[in-house]
Amino acid sequence: QVQLVESGGRLAQPGGSLRLSCAASGFTFGSYHMNWVRQAPGKGLEWVSGIYSDGSDTYYADSVKGRFTISRDNAKNTLYLQMNSLRAEDTALYYCAKESPRGAAYDYWGQGTQVTVSS
């Protein structure tokens, strides 16, 4: 069964850093593009970042560009999101999501990990 388990979320201070991880199982991880998506309190889902199946290309929302870095270790079936220069508006539940074979859609995602940025 496909499973995505996020971890690493916690309380962090503005300007601080945090690294999120997503452990994947139940599918050939290295064959799929992966994404990070977040949902802030009272807000809808916001796409944050994406990475090509072999890690050769990465994409970022304007709101996180230059601050966040997505990466993956296909040998470990793990997706990462390095978050630097955190802002209060980064507070959200962060999900990793598997891209559908059809393209720009998610067919599976995890339970999420909470990131709270506050002083």
Protein backbone atom coordinates (compact mmCIF):
# COMPACT_ATOMS: atom_id res chain seq x y z
CA GLN A 1 0.00 0.00 0.00
CA VAL A 2 1.19 3.50 -0.79
CA GLN A 3 2.23 5.35 2.33
CA LEU A 4 3.73 8.78 2.86
CA VAL A 5 4.78 9.73 6.37
CA GLU A 6 5.91 13.28 7.08
CA SER A 7 8.04 14.21 10.06
CA GLY A 8 10.18 17.02 11.38
CA GLY A 9 7.56 19.66 11.97
CA ARG A 10 7.77 21.66 15.19
CA LEU A 11 7.72 25.12 16.65
CA ALA A 12 10.42 27.35 15.20
CA GLN A 13 11.34 31.01 15.55
CA PRO A 14 11.11 33.57 12.76
CA GLY A 15 14.36 33.48 10.84
CA GLY A 16 15.03 29.95 11.96
CA SER A 17 15.42 26.75 9.99
CA LEU A 18 13.71 23.41 9.88
CA ARG A 19 14.03 20.26 7.80
CA LEU A 20 11.02 18.16 6.98
CA SER A 21 11.19 14.56 5.84
CA CYS A 22 8.73 12.31 4.07
CA ALA A 23 9.23 8.57 4.14
CA ALA A 24 7.63 6.84 1.18
CA SER A 25 6.69 3.22 0.69
CA GLY A 26 4.42 1.04 -1.40
CA PHE A 27 5.52 2.32 -4.80
CA THR A 28 8.63 2.88 -6.88
CA PHE A 29 9.60 6.18 -5.31
CA GLY A 30 12.29 7.02 -7.85
CA SER A 31 9.81 6.84 -10.72
CA TYR A 32 7.58 9.66 -9.52
CA HIS A 33 7.72 13.40 -9.17
CA MET A 34 7.05 14.50 -5.62
CA ASN A 35 5.67 17.66 -4.08
CA TRP A 36 5.25 19.52 -0.84
CA VAL A 37 1.91 21.13 -0.22
CA ARG A 38 0.81 23.09 2.83
CA GLN A 39 -2.35 24.30 4.46
CA ALA A 40 -2.28 27.28 6.77
CA PRO A 41 -4.99 27.76 9.41
CA GLY A 42 -8.22 28.80 7.75
CA LYS A 43 -6.65 28.61 4.31
CA GLY A 44 -6.80 26.24 1.39
CA LEU A 45 -4.07 23.99 0.11
CA GLU A 46 -1.04 25.76 -1.30
CA TRP A 47 1.53 24.06 -3.47
CA VAL A 48 5.01 24.75 -2.11
CA SER A 49 7.57 22.85 -4.11
CA GLY A 50 8.08 20.00 -6.53
CA ILE A 51 10.94 17.80 -7.61
CA TYR A 52 11.51 15.67 -10.66
CA SER A 53 11.66 11.91 -10.16
CA ASP A 54 15.45 11.73 -10.28
CA GLY A 55 15.95 15.06 -8.54
CA SER A 56 17.28 16.77 -11.65
CA ASP A 57 14.76 19.61 -11.61
CA THR A 58 13.07 21.49 -8.81
CA TYR A 59 10.24 24.01 -8.65
CA TYR A 60 9.11 26.47 -6.03
CA ALA A 61 6.23 28.73 -5.22
CA ASP A 62 7.20 32.39 -5.27
CA SER A 63 6.45 32.63 -1.57
CA VAL A 64 9.26 30.22 -0.66
CA LYS A 65 11.73 30.68 -3.50
CA GLY A 66 15.22 31.35 -2.22
CA ARG A 67 14.34 30.15 1.27
CA PHE A 68 13.26 26.54 0.85
CA THR A 69 15.08 23.69 -0.85
CA ILE A 70 13.45 20.46 -1.91
CA SER A 71 15.55 17.33 -2.31
CA ARG A 72 15.21 13.58 -2.33
CA ASP A 73 17.19 10.46 -1.62
CA ASN A 74 15.75 7.76 -3.83
CA ALA A 75 17.92 5.07 -2.25
CA LYS A 76 16.18 5.84 1.04
CA ASN A 77 12.75 6.52 -0.45
CA THR A 78 12.75 9.86 1.31
CA LEU A 79 11.74 13.37 0.31
CA TYR A 80 13.04 16.43 2.14
CA LEU A 81 12.20 20.08 2.50
CA GLN A 82 14.87 22.33 3.97
CA MET A 83 13.23 25.50 5.22
CA ASN A 84 15.37 28.52 6.03
CA SER A 85 14.54 32.10 6.98
CA LEU A 86 11.20 30.98 8.32
CA ARG A 87 8.36 33.46 8.57
CA ALA A 88 5.15 33.43 10.54
CA GLU A 89 3.25 32.95 7.31
CA ASP A 90 5.03 29.63 6.83
CA THR A 91 2.95 28.26 9.68
CA ALA A 92 0.96 25.40 8.21
CA LEU A 93 0.39 21.70 8.07
CA TYR A 94 2.88 20.40 5.52
CA TYR A 95 2.11 17.41 3.35
CA CYS A 96 4.25 15.48 0.94
CA ALA A 97 2.34 14.36 -2.11
CA LYS A 98 2.98 11.84 -4.85
CA GLU A 99 2.28 13.10 -8.33
CA SER A 100 -0.21 11.16 -10.38
CA PRO A 101 1.16 9.32 -13.41
CA ARG A 102 -1.15 11.54 -15.47
CA GLY A 103 0.75 14.69 -14.51
CA ALA A 104 -0.16 17.73 -12.44
CA ALA A 105 -2.29 16.06 -9.81
CA TYR A 106 -1.70 14.29 -6.53
CA ASP A 107 -2.96 10.78 -6.01
CA TYR A 108 -1.51 10.17 -2.54
CA TRP A 109 -0.31 12.26 0.35
CA GLY A 110 0.56 11.78 3.97
CA GLN A 111 -1.05 12.86 7.20
CA GLY A 112 1.01 16.02 7.37
CA THR A 113 3.45 17.49 9.85
CA GLN A 114 2.76 20.74 11.66
CA VAL A 115 5.13 23.66 11.35
CA THR A 116 4.53 26.63 13.61
CA VAL A 117 6.67 29.74 13.26
CA SER A 118 6.32 32.05 16.21
CA SER A 119 8.47 34.04 18.59
